[in-house]
Protein backbone atom coordinates (compact mmCIF):
# COMPACT_ATOMS: atom_id res chain seq x y z
CA MET A 1 32.25 -33.32 12.03
CA VAL A 2 29.99 -32.40 9.09
CA VAL A 3 31.58 -35.19 7.04
CA MET A 4 30.98 -37.71 9.81
CA LEU A 5 27.37 -36.59 10.16
CA ALA A 6 26.89 -36.98 6.43
CA VAL A 7 28.21 -40.54 6.61
CA THR A 8 26.22 -41.57 9.65
CA GLY A 9 23.06 -39.73 8.63
CA CYS A 10 22.59 -41.56 5.32
CA GLY A 11 20.97 -44.95 5.10
CA SER A 12 22.39 -47.96 3.32
CA GLY A 13 20.60 -50.24 0.96
CA VAL A 14 20.56 -51.60 -2.57
CA GLN A 15 23.04 -49.91 -4.87
CA GLY A 16 21.49 -46.79 -6.41
CA GLU A 17 18.69 -46.75 -3.84
CA THR A 18 18.04 -43.78 -1.58
CA LYS A 19 16.93 -44.20 2.00
CA PRO A 20 13.42 -42.76 2.56
CA PRO A 21 13.58 -39.52 4.51
CA ASP A 22 10.94 -40.71 6.99
CA THR A 23 12.55 -44.05 7.89
CA ASP A 24 14.29 -44.52 11.25
CA VAL A 25 18.08 -44.74 11.38
CA GLN A 26 19.42 -48.29 11.75
CA PRO A 27 20.60 -49.40 15.26
CA GLU A 28 24.15 -49.93 13.97
CA GLN A 29 24.26 -46.30 12.91
CA ASP A 30 23.07 -45.20 16.34
CA MET A 31 26.06 -47.03 17.85
CA ILE A 32 28.42 -45.36 15.38
CA GLN A 33 27.03 -41.93 16.12
CA GLN A 34 27.32 -42.48 19.88
CA SER A 35 30.87 -43.80 19.63
CA ILE A 36 31.98 -40.78 17.58
CA PHE A 37 30.86 -38.29 20.19
CA GLY A 38 31.60 -40.47 23.20
CA ARG A 39 28.11 -40.24 24.67
CA GLY A 40 24.54 -41.06 23.83
CA GLU A 41 23.17 -37.55 23.20
CA ASP A 42 21.32 -36.86 19.96
CA PHE A 43 23.78 -34.40 18.45
CA GLY A 44 21.77 -34.23 15.26
CA ALA A 45 18.76 -32.87 17.14
CA LEU A 46 21.03 -30.55 19.10
CA LEU A 47 22.53 -29.04 15.94
CA VAL A 48 19.14 -28.63 14.32
CA SER A 49 17.88 -26.88 17.45
CA GLN A 50 20.73 -24.39 17.00
CA GLY A 51 19.68 -23.65 13.44
CA ILE A 52 22.36 -25.85 11.81
CA GLU A 53 20.86 -28.03 9.09
CA LEU A 54 22.32 -31.50 8.67
CA PRO A 55 23.16 -32.98 5.28
CA VAL A 56 20.52 -35.48 4.22
CA SER A 57 20.39 -38.23 1.68
CA THR A 58 19.13 -36.95 -1.65
CA THR A 59 16.27 -38.51 -3.51
CA LYS A 60 15.85 -39.08 -7.23
CA VAL A 61 12.06 -39.11 -6.96
CA PHE A 62 10.71 -35.56 -7.10
CA VAL A 63 7.29 -34.63 -5.71
CA ASN A 64 5.47 -31.49 -4.67
CA GLN A 65 6.41 -31.54 -0.99
CA ALA A 66 4.06 -28.63 -0.33
CA GLY A 67 1.19 -31.00 -1.11
CA TYR A 68 -1.28 -32.02 -3.80
CA ILE A 69 -5.02 -31.32 -4.12
CA SER A 70 -7.42 -34.26 -4.20
CA ASP A 71 -9.22 -33.44 -7.43
CA ARG A 72 -6.30 -31.83 -9.31
CA ASP A 73 -3.60 -33.41 -11.50
CA LYS A 74 -0.69 -35.04 -9.67
CA LYS A 75 2.72 -35.72 -11.21
CA VAL A 76 5.98 -37.21 -9.98
CA MET A 77 9.35 -36.84 -11.68
CA PHE A 78 12.27 -39.30 -11.73
CA LEU A 79 15.92 -38.31 -12.20
CA GLY A 80 18.29 -40.43 -14.30
CA GLU A 81 18.08 -42.99 -17.09
CA GLN A 82 18.13 -46.19 -15.01
CA ILE A 83 14.90 -45.87 -13.04
CA GLY A 84 12.70 -48.83 -13.88
CA THR A 85 9.24 -48.85 -15.43
CA SER A 86 6.78 -48.48 -12.55
CA PHE A 87 6.29 -46.69 -9.25
CA ARG A 88 4.13 -47.17 -6.18
CA VAL A 89 2.34 -44.64 -3.97
CA VAL A 90 2.60 -45.79 -0.35
CA ASN A 91 0.53 -44.71 2.62
CA ARG A 92 3.04 -43.38 5.12
CA ALA A 93 0.99 -44.45 8.15
CA ASP A 94 0.57 -48.18 7.48
CA LYS A 95 3.01 -48.69 4.53
CA THR A 96 0.27 -50.05 2.27
CA VAL A 97 0.52 -49.53 -1.49
CA VAL A 98 -2.49 -47.44 -2.57
CA TYR A 99 -1.60 -46.85 -6.22
CA THR A 100 0.73 -48.27 -8.86
CA GLY A 101 1.64 -46.30 -11.98
CA GLN A 102 3.92 -46.36 -14.99
CA ILE A 103 7.09 -44.31 -15.46
CA GLU A 104 6.99 -42.69 -18.89
CA GLY A 105 8.57 -40.12 -21.18
CA GLY A 106 12.26 -40.34 -20.30
CA ARG A 107 14.10 -37.46 -21.98
CA LEU A 108 16.65 -34.72 -21.52
CA ASP A 109 15.24 -31.49 -20.13
CA GLU A 110 17.01 -28.93 -22.31
CA LEU A 111 16.28 -26.07 -19.89
CA SER A 112 18.09 -27.71 -16.98
CA GLY A 113 20.25 -30.40 -18.59
CA SER A 114 18.70 -33.13 -16.41
CA TYR A 115 17.41 -36.46 -17.71
CA LEU A 116 13.88 -36.80 -16.36
CA SER A 117 10.91 -39.14 -16.59
CA GLU A 118 7.44 -38.71 -15.18
CA GLY A 119 4.58 -40.55 -13.61
CA ASP A 120 0.96 -39.61 -13.09
CA PHE A 121 -1.12 -40.54 -10.06
CA SER A 122 -4.03 -38.14 -10.53
CA GLN A 123 -6.46 -41.01 -9.99
CA LEU A 124 -5.45 -41.11 -6.33
CA THR A 125 -7.82 -38.69 -4.59
CA GLN A 126 -7.91 -40.08 -1.04
CA THR A 127 -6.54 -37.58 1.45
CA GLY A 128 -3.57 -38.62 3.55
CA THR A 129 0.21 -38.57 3.79
CA TYR A 130 2.15 -40.64 1.27
CA TYR A 131 5.50 -41.23 -0.37
CA ILE A 132 6.43 -42.71 -3.74
CA GLU A 133 8.84 -45.62 -4.16
CA THR A 134 10.44 -47.59 -6.98
CA ASP A 135 12.52 -50.75 -6.98
CA ILE A 136 15.61 -49.00 -8.37
CA VAL A 137 15.90 -45.33 -7.35
CA GLY A 138 14.27 -45.49 -3.93
CA GLN A 139 11.70 -43.22 -2.34
CA SER A 140 10.48 -39.66 -2.44
CA TYR A 141 10.07 -37.24 0.41
CA PRO A 142 6.66 -37.53 2.08
CA PHE A 143 3.79 -35.38 0.85
CA GLN A 144 0.14 -34.82 1.63
CA ILE A 145 -2.98 -35.02 -0.48
CA THR A 146 -5.67 -32.69 0.83
CA GLN A 147 -8.87 -31.09 -0.35
CA ASP A 148 -7.99 -27.58 0.80
CA GLY A 149 -4.19 -27.44 0.53
CA TYR A 150 -4.17 -24.32 -1.65
CA GLU A 151 -6.53 -22.49 0.69
CA ASN A 152 -4.41 -23.42 3.71
CA MET A 153 -1.22 -22.39 1.94
CA PHE A 154 -2.79 -19.06 0.99
CA VAL A 155 -3.85 -18.34 4.58
CA SER A 156 -0.37 -19.26 5.82
CA MET A 157 1.20 -16.97 3.20
CA LEU A 158 -0.89 -14.12 4.55
CA LYS A 159 0.34 -14.76 8.06
CA ASN A 160 3.96 -15.10 6.99
CA VAL A 161 4.21 -12.23 4.51
CA ARG A 162 6.82 -10.54 6.73
CA ASP A 163 8.99 -13.66 6.74
CA VAL A 164 11.60 -12.00 4.51
CA PRO A 165 14.68 -9.91 5.28
CA LEU A 166 14.34 -6.13 4.98
CA ALA A 167 17.60 -4.88 3.51
CA GLU A 168 18.54 -1.38 4.66
CA ASN A 169 19.84 -0.13 1.33
CA ALA A 170 18.55 1.28 -1.95
CA GLN A 171 17.84 -2.14 -3.47
CA GLY A 172 16.05 -3.21 -0.31
CA VAL A 173 13.78 -0.17 -0.57
CA CYS A 174 12.83 -1.07 -4.15
CA ASP A 175 12.11 -4.67 -3.17
CA ILE A 176 9.83 -3.58 -0.32
CA CYS A 177 8.01 -1.01 -2.44
CA PHE A 178 7.31 -3.40 -5.32
CA GLY A 179 6.30 -6.08 -2.82
CA MET A 180 3.78 -3.67 -1.33
CA HIS A 181 2.53 -2.85 -4.83
CA ALA A 182 2.01 -6.52 -5.69
CA ILE A 183 0.21 -7.13 -2.38
CA MET A 184 -2.06 -4.10 -2.70
CA TYR A 185 -2.85 -4.98 -6.30
CA ALA A 186 -3.78 -8.51 -5.20
CA ILE A 187 -6.11 -7.03 -2.56
CA GLN A 188 -7.69 -4.72 -5.12
CA CYS A 189 -8.26 -7.59 -7.54
CA ASN A 190 -9.34 -10.32 -5.14
CA GLY A 191 -10.43 -8.52 -1.98
CA ALA A 192 -13.31 -10.89 -1.20
CA LEU A 193 -10.90 -13.83 -1.14
CA PHE A 194 -8.66 -12.06 1.38
CA GLU A 195 -11.63 -11.22 3.59
CA GLU A 196 -12.66 -14.87 3.57
CA ALA A 197 -9.11 -15.92 4.49
CA TYR A 198 -9.09 -13.60 7.51
CA LYS A 199 -11.89 -15.67 9.04
CA HIS A 200 -9.28 -18.37 9.62
CA PHE A 201 -7.05 -16.07 11.69
CA LYS A 202 -7.08 -16.57 15.44
CA GLU A 203 -7.74 -13.59 17.68
CA GLU A 204 -4.06 -13.29 18.55
CA GLU A 205 -3.20 -13.28 14.83
CA LYS A 206 -5.21 -10.17 13.94
CA ASP A 207 -2.04 -8.10 13.73
CA LYS A 208 -0.94 -10.32 10.84
CA GLN A 209 -3.69 -9.09 8.55
CA LEU A 210 -2.26 -7.45 5.45
CA VAL A 211 -3.51 -3.96 6.26
CA THR A 212 -1.54 -3.98 9.50
CA GLN A 213 1.54 -5.38 7.82
CA LEU A 214 1.38 -2.90 4.94
CA LEU A 215 1.12 -0.02 7.40
CA TYR A 216 4.19 -1.43 9.13
CA PHE A 217 6.17 -1.52 5.88
CA ALA A 218 5.13 2.05 5.09
CA SER A 219 6.35 3.20 8.50
CA TRP A 220 9.61 1.32 8.01
CA LEU A 221 10.16 3.07 4.70
CA MET A 222 9.35 6.51 6.05
CA ALA A 223 11.82 5.98 8.88
CA HIS A 224 14.52 5.63 6.22
CA GLN A 225 13.64 8.82 4.33
CA ASP A 226 16.39 11.44 4.62
CA ALA A 227 15.74 15.08 5.47
CA ASP A 228 16.15 16.06 1.82
CA GLY A 229 13.31 13.71 0.82
CA SER A 230 15.42 10.97 -0.75
CA LEU A 231 16.15 7.44 0.38
CA TYR A 232 19.88 6.78 0.50
CA GLY A 233 20.32 9.58 -2.06
CA ASP A 234 19.35 7.03 -4.71
CA TYR A 235 17.08 8.01 -7.61
CA GLU A 236 15.42 4.63 -8.14
CA ALA A 237 14.89 3.93 -4.44
CA THR A 238 13.37 7.39 -3.95
CA ALA A 239 11.12 6.91 -6.99
CA ALA A 240 9.91 3.52 -5.74
CA PHE A 241 9.26 5.02 -2.29
CA CYS A 242 7.42 8.02 -3.68
CA GLY A 243 5.20 5.85 -5.87
CA ILE A 244 4.27 3.40 -3.15
CA MET A 245 3.49 6.19 -0.66
CA VAL A 246 1.07 7.64 -3.21
CA MET A 247 -0.52 4.22 -3.72
CA SER A 248 -0.70 3.60 0.07
CA ARG A 249 -2.31 6.97 0.63
CA ASP A 250 -4.90 6.17 -2.03
CA MET A 251 -5.69 2.83 -0.37
CA PHE A 252 -5.52 3.73 3.34
CA GLY A 253 -5.61 7.51 3.58
CA ARG A 254 -9.33 7.70 2.91
CA TYR A 255 -9.97 5.94 6.21
CA GLU A 256 -7.58 7.95 8.39
CA ALA A 257 -6.86 11.65 7.84
CA SER A 258 -3.58 11.55 9.77
CA VAL A 259 -2.29 8.68 7.62
CA SER A 260 -3.26 10.54 4.46
CA LYS A 261 -1.42 13.66 5.62
CA GLU A 262 1.69 11.74 6.66
CA TYR A 263 1.91 9.80 3.40
CA LYS A 264 1.33 12.90 1.29
CA GLU A 265 4.08 14.83 3.05
CA ALA A 266 6.49 11.93 2.50
CA SER A 267 5.64 11.55 -1.18
CA ASP A 268 5.73 15.32 -1.81
CA LYS A 269 9.24 15.54 -0.32
CA ALA A 270 10.41 12.60 -2.41
CA TRP A 271 8.93 14.02 -5.63
CA LYS A 272 10.50 17.41 -4.96
CA TRP A 273 13.92 15.74 -4.57
CA LEU A 274 13.41 13.76 -7.77
CA GLU A 275 12.55 16.90 -9.73
CA GLN A 276 15.88 18.41 -8.68
CA GLN A 277 17.87 15.47 -10.09
CA GLU A 278 19.01 14.80 -13.63
CA CYS A 279 16.81 12.30 -15.45
CA ASP A 280 19.12 11.42 -18.29
CA THR A 281 19.34 7.62 -18.27
CA ASP A 282 16.89 4.91 -19.28
CA ALA A 283 16.82 3.60 -15.70
CA ARG A 284 15.91 7.00 -14.27
CA LYS A 285 13.32 7.65 -16.95
CA SER A 286 11.66 4.33 -16.13
CA ALA A 287 11.70 5.15 -12.43
CA ARG A 288 10.23 8.62 -13.01
CA PHE A 289 7.53 7.04 -15.21
CA TYR A 290 6.55 4.76 -12.34
CA VAL A 291 6.17 7.67 -9.91
CA ALA A 292 4.25 9.78 -12.41
CA SER A 293 1.91 6.84 -13.13
CA GLN A 294 1.07 6.52 -9.44
CA LEU A 295 0.58 10.27 -9.08
CA PHE A 296 -1.56 10.40 -12.23
CA ARG A 297 -3.73 7.56 -10.97
CA ALA A 298 -4.24 9.18 -7.57
CA GLU A 299 -4.68 12.81 -8.64
CA TYR A 300 -5.09 13.81 -12.27
CA ASN A 301 -2.51 16.36 -13.36
CA ALA A 302 -1.41 17.39 -16.84
CA GLU A 303 2.27 17.26 -15.83
CA TYR A 304 2.00 13.64 -14.69
CA LYS A 305 -0.07 12.72 -17.74
CA ASN A 306 2.52 14.12 -20.13
CA ILE A 307 5.42 12.34 -18.39
CA VAL A 308 3.56 9.03 -18.45
CA GLU A 309 2.17 9.09 -21.96
CA ASP A 310 5.30 10.50 -23.56
CA PHE A 311 7.30 7.67 -21.99
CA LEU A 312 4.83 5.00 -23.08
CA LYS A 313 4.67 6.23 -26.65
CA GLU A 314 8.44 6.43 -26.91
CA LYS A 315 8.92 2.95 -25.47
CA ASP A 316 6.21 1.48 -27.74
CA LYS A 317 6.70 -2.16 -26.67
CA ASP A 318 8.12 -4.59 -24.08
CA TYR A 319 6.15 -3.08 -21.22
CA SER A 320 6.60 -6.14 -19.01
CA THR A 321 10.39 -6.55 -19.11
CA GLN A 322 11.32 -4.03 -16.38
CA ARG A 323 9.90 -3.70 -12.88
CA PHE A 324 9.42 0.08 -12.87
CA VAL A 325 7.77 -0.03 -16.28
CA PHE A 326 5.49 -2.98 -15.60
CA TYR A 327 4.24 -1.73 -12.23
CA GLY A 328 3.85 1.74 -13.72
CA VAL A 329 1.79 0.32 -16.57
CA ILE A 330 -0.49 -1.43 -14.08
CA ALA A 331 -1.05 1.90 -12.32
CA TYR A 332 -1.69 3.79 -15.56
CA ILE A 333 -4.21 1.45 -17.18
CA SER A 334 -6.21 1.38 -13.93
CA ALA A 335 -6.36 5.19 -13.74
CA GLY A 336 -9.86 5.39 -15.22
CA ASN A 337 -11.31 7.73 -17.79
CA ASN A 338 -8.34 10.11 -17.85
CA THR A 339 -6.17 7.64 -19.73
CA ASP A 340 -5.62 7.52 -23.48
CA ARG A 341 -7.80 4.56 -24.48
CA ASP A 342 -5.93 3.88 -27.71
CA LEU A 343 -2.67 3.84 -25.78
CA CYS A 344 -4.17 1.48 -23.19
CA THR A 345 -5.29 -0.84 -25.97
CA HIS A 346 -1.79 -0.79 -27.43
CA ILE A 347 -0.27 -1.56 -24.02
CA MET A 348 -2.65 -4.43 -23.37
CA LYS A 349 -1.93 -5.92 -26.77
CA ASP A 350 1.79 -5.87 -25.98
CA LEU A 351 1.22 -7.46 -22.57
CA VAL A 352 -1.01 -10.14 -24.06
CA ASP A 353 1.59 -10.83 -26.74
CA GLN A 354 4.30 -11.20 -24.10
CA ASN A 355 1.99 -13.38 -22.08
CA GLU A 356 1.33 -15.52 -25.14
CA LEU A 357 5.05 -16.08 -25.51
CA ALA A 358 5.21 -17.19 -21.87
CA GLY A 359 2.22 -19.46 -22.42
CA ASN A 360 3.77 -21.02 -25.50
CA ALA A 361 7.01 -21.67 -23.60
CA ALA A 362 4.98 -23.40 -20.90
CA LYS A 363 3.17 -25.51 -23.51
CA ARG A 364 6.48 -26.68 -24.93
CA ASP A 365 7.64 -27.50 -21.40
CA ASP A 366 5.72 -30.75 -21.06
CA LEU A 367 7.75 -31.76 -18.00
CA PHE A 368 6.76 -28.99 -15.59
CA GLY A 369 4.55 -26.70 -17.65
CA THR A 370 6.22 -23.50 -16.46
CA GLY A 371 8.71 -22.72 -19.23
CA LYS A 372 11.22 -21.54 -16.61
CA ARG A 373 13.87 -23.22 -14.47
CA THR A 374 14.80 -20.79 -11.68
CA VAL A 375 12.84 -19.45 -8.73
CA TYR A 376 13.39 -15.84 -9.77
CA ASP A 377 12.37 -16.29 -13.42
CA SER A 378 9.39 -18.44 -12.48
CA LEU A 379 8.06 -15.78 -10.11
CA TYR A 380 8.27 -12.93 -12.60
CA ASN A 381 6.78 -15.11 -15.30
CA MET A 382 3.88 -15.84 -12.95
CA LEU A 383 3.43 -12.12 -12.21
CA LEU A 384 2.75 -11.33 -15.86
CA ILE A 385 0.57 -14.40 -16.37
CA SER A 386 -1.45 -13.65 -13.21
CA PHE A 387 -2.03 -10.06 -14.33
CA VAL A 388 -3.36 -11.05 -17.75
CA ASN A 389 -5.21 -14.02 -16.26
CA TYR A 390 -7.05 -11.68 -13.89
CA ILE A 391 -8.23 -9.52 -16.78
CA THR A 392 -9.10 -12.42 -19.10
CA PRO A 393 -9.38 -15.63 -17.03
CA SER A 394 -8.07 -18.67 -18.86
CA LYS A 395 -7.76 -22.34 -17.98
CA GLU A 396 -4.38 -22.41 -19.69
CA TYR A 397 -2.98 -19.49 -17.68
CA THR A 398 -4.45 -20.83 -14.44
CA GLU A 399 -2.69 -24.14 -15.02
CA ILE A 400 0.65 -22.36 -15.54
CA ILE A 401 0.18 -20.54 -12.23
CA GLU A 402 -0.66 -23.85 -10.53
CA ASN A 403 2.36 -25.54 -12.13
CA THR A 404 4.59 -22.73 -10.84
CA ILE A 405 3.25 -23.14 -7.30
CA GLN A 406 4.00 -26.87 -7.51
CA TYR A 407 7.43 -26.13 -8.98
CA MET A 408 8.19 -24.05 -5.87
CA GLY A 409 7.04 -26.94 -3.69
CA GLY A 410 9.58 -29.40 -5.07
CA LEU A 411 8.24 -30.58 -8.42
CA ASN A 412 11.27 -29.22 -10.24
CA GLU A 413 14.39 -30.50 -11.97
CA SER A 414 16.30 -30.70 -8.67
CA GLY A 415 13.53 -31.98 -6.43
CA VAL A 416 14.15 -29.06 -4.06
CA CYS A 417 11.31 -27.64 -1.98
CA TYR A 418 11.73 -23.85 -2.06
CA ILE A 419 8.55 -22.99 -0.18
CA ASP A 420 6.58 -25.37 2.01
CA GLY A 421 2.86 -25.93 2.53
CA ASN A 422 2.83 -23.22 5.19
CA GLY A 423 4.02 -20.62 2.73
CA ILE A 424 7.45 -20.34 4.36
CA TRP A 425 10.61 -20.05 2.26
CA LYS A 426 13.33 -22.60 2.84
CA GLU A 427 16.80 -21.35 3.75
CA LEU A 428 18.58 -22.25 0.50
CA SER A 429 21.06 -20.61 -1.83
CA GLU A 430 18.31 -20.27 -4.44
CA THR A 431 16.13 -18.33 -1.98
CA SER A 432 18.84 -16.20 -0.37
CA ASP A 433 17.70 -13.16 -2.38
CA ARG A 434 14.04 -13.52 -1.40
CA ASN A 435 12.29 -10.30 -0.50
CA LEU A 436 8.84 -8.86 0.00
CA GLU A 437 8.19 -8.71 -3.73
CA TRP A 438 8.55 -12.49 -3.91
CA ASN A 439 5.84 -12.85 -1.28
CA GLY A 440 3.68 -10.26 -3.01
CA ILE A 441 3.85 -12.08 -6.33
CA LEU A 442 3.04 -15.39 -4.66
CA LEU A 443 0.01 -13.87 -2.92
CA PHE A 444 -1.20 -12.37 -6.17
CA GLY A 445 -0.66 -15.60 -8.10
CA MET A 446 -2.23 -17.79 -5.42
CA SER A 447 -5.25 -15.50 -5.01
CA ASP A 448 -5.70 -15.45 -8.78
CA LEU A 449 -5.45 -19.24 -8.90
CA LEU A 450 -7.98 -19.74 -6.11
CA LYS A 451 -10.42 -17.22 -7.54
CA ASN A 452 -10.37 -18.89 -10.94
CA LEU A 453 -10.72 -22.38 -9.50
CA ILE A 454 -13.68 -21.24 -7.42
CA ASP A 455 -15.39 -19.02 -10.00
CA ILE A 456 -14.86 -20.61 -13.38
CA GLU A 457 -13.55 -24.16 -13.03
CA LYS A 458 -17.13 -25.45 -13.01
CA ASN A 459 -17.59 -23.93 -16.48
CA TRP A 460 -14.47 -25.46 -18.04
């Protein structure tokens, strides 16, 4: 049946041309579909209503399906070597051509192995819904041009932050904890932006504010803590849990004594269990460093300080290549006057150097400007860039963050939309491993992007 749907669901046309996704199915195809099933019901709609996605015709014209911003750059990519020389931007409502541009720069993308060309339609600033067409390779998926698309996407991300699976295992615990860390760090850095976004929540959406959702995640984690203080008897999961409970207590406990007490009891039990375990591998040492960094930041203690600084001095470099280390570093350098300033300077130099490498890779990537070609790698690249960009705002780093957001929306080597304009992940093989950390990184990156566009774009 899937094969028949694939045949009847795809349009026909000139050889090499793809049927536009928003065009009605031909009457002849309706007859074929009805004759296959023996009745006139819309089985396609029925299957979709049951959560079964139908195969669709693929396009060779790649756009940011999550949407473009009126006064920002706008690119389109074309797949293949036989694509023609020009493209047209068409108003979806009345089918009028509103812009004609040239297809340029055909070359092999070494990172993905795809042959790609590009077009620029940045001059088109009129808001509306459009698609792009060519005479040879067909049409793109529809997309919008808006003035406030990033703001709307950010607000939707806030509302949908829980739209990820919560895996009940050790890895799932780590994913949730680091997701909470990324979210709380974003709030600490760009709190005013979050407060402004909450004004767009309806009364019945108040429970979707991040504070409420973070408290929910903390309760979920505590419900999975064993009597001995561990989570699943796993060192790394227990370390991640202990660290995030300390951070949550520091953020929320000051407002509610009962929350502070509950979080402290949970973190104390976890730390006690960790102290009873062997810490004889690099992975465990990194995990213990993360916990000690959070404890040191929240409550100065010589024991925590020694664990943290001995680890950092021994590691010496590559502070951004492991999750436990990177998040621990963020906690340590924000711990205030108790830190070793020379060590902090050394750490920041290493992070800036790593960020420079990421920036150079993005510069060489003149197709997408991200330097990466997978969802996972792009996210973690954006995490580092957003962190350094927050400390030292840069037009170059802001553009890489923006390029990564557009990459997620469909402006990538496959033309696949991984996350839509509402901040919701698509159900795809590439997003099957999505977790709360993915959403946390996106919120941090998007808030960083918006803050820079609002605060410093006028000075660039």
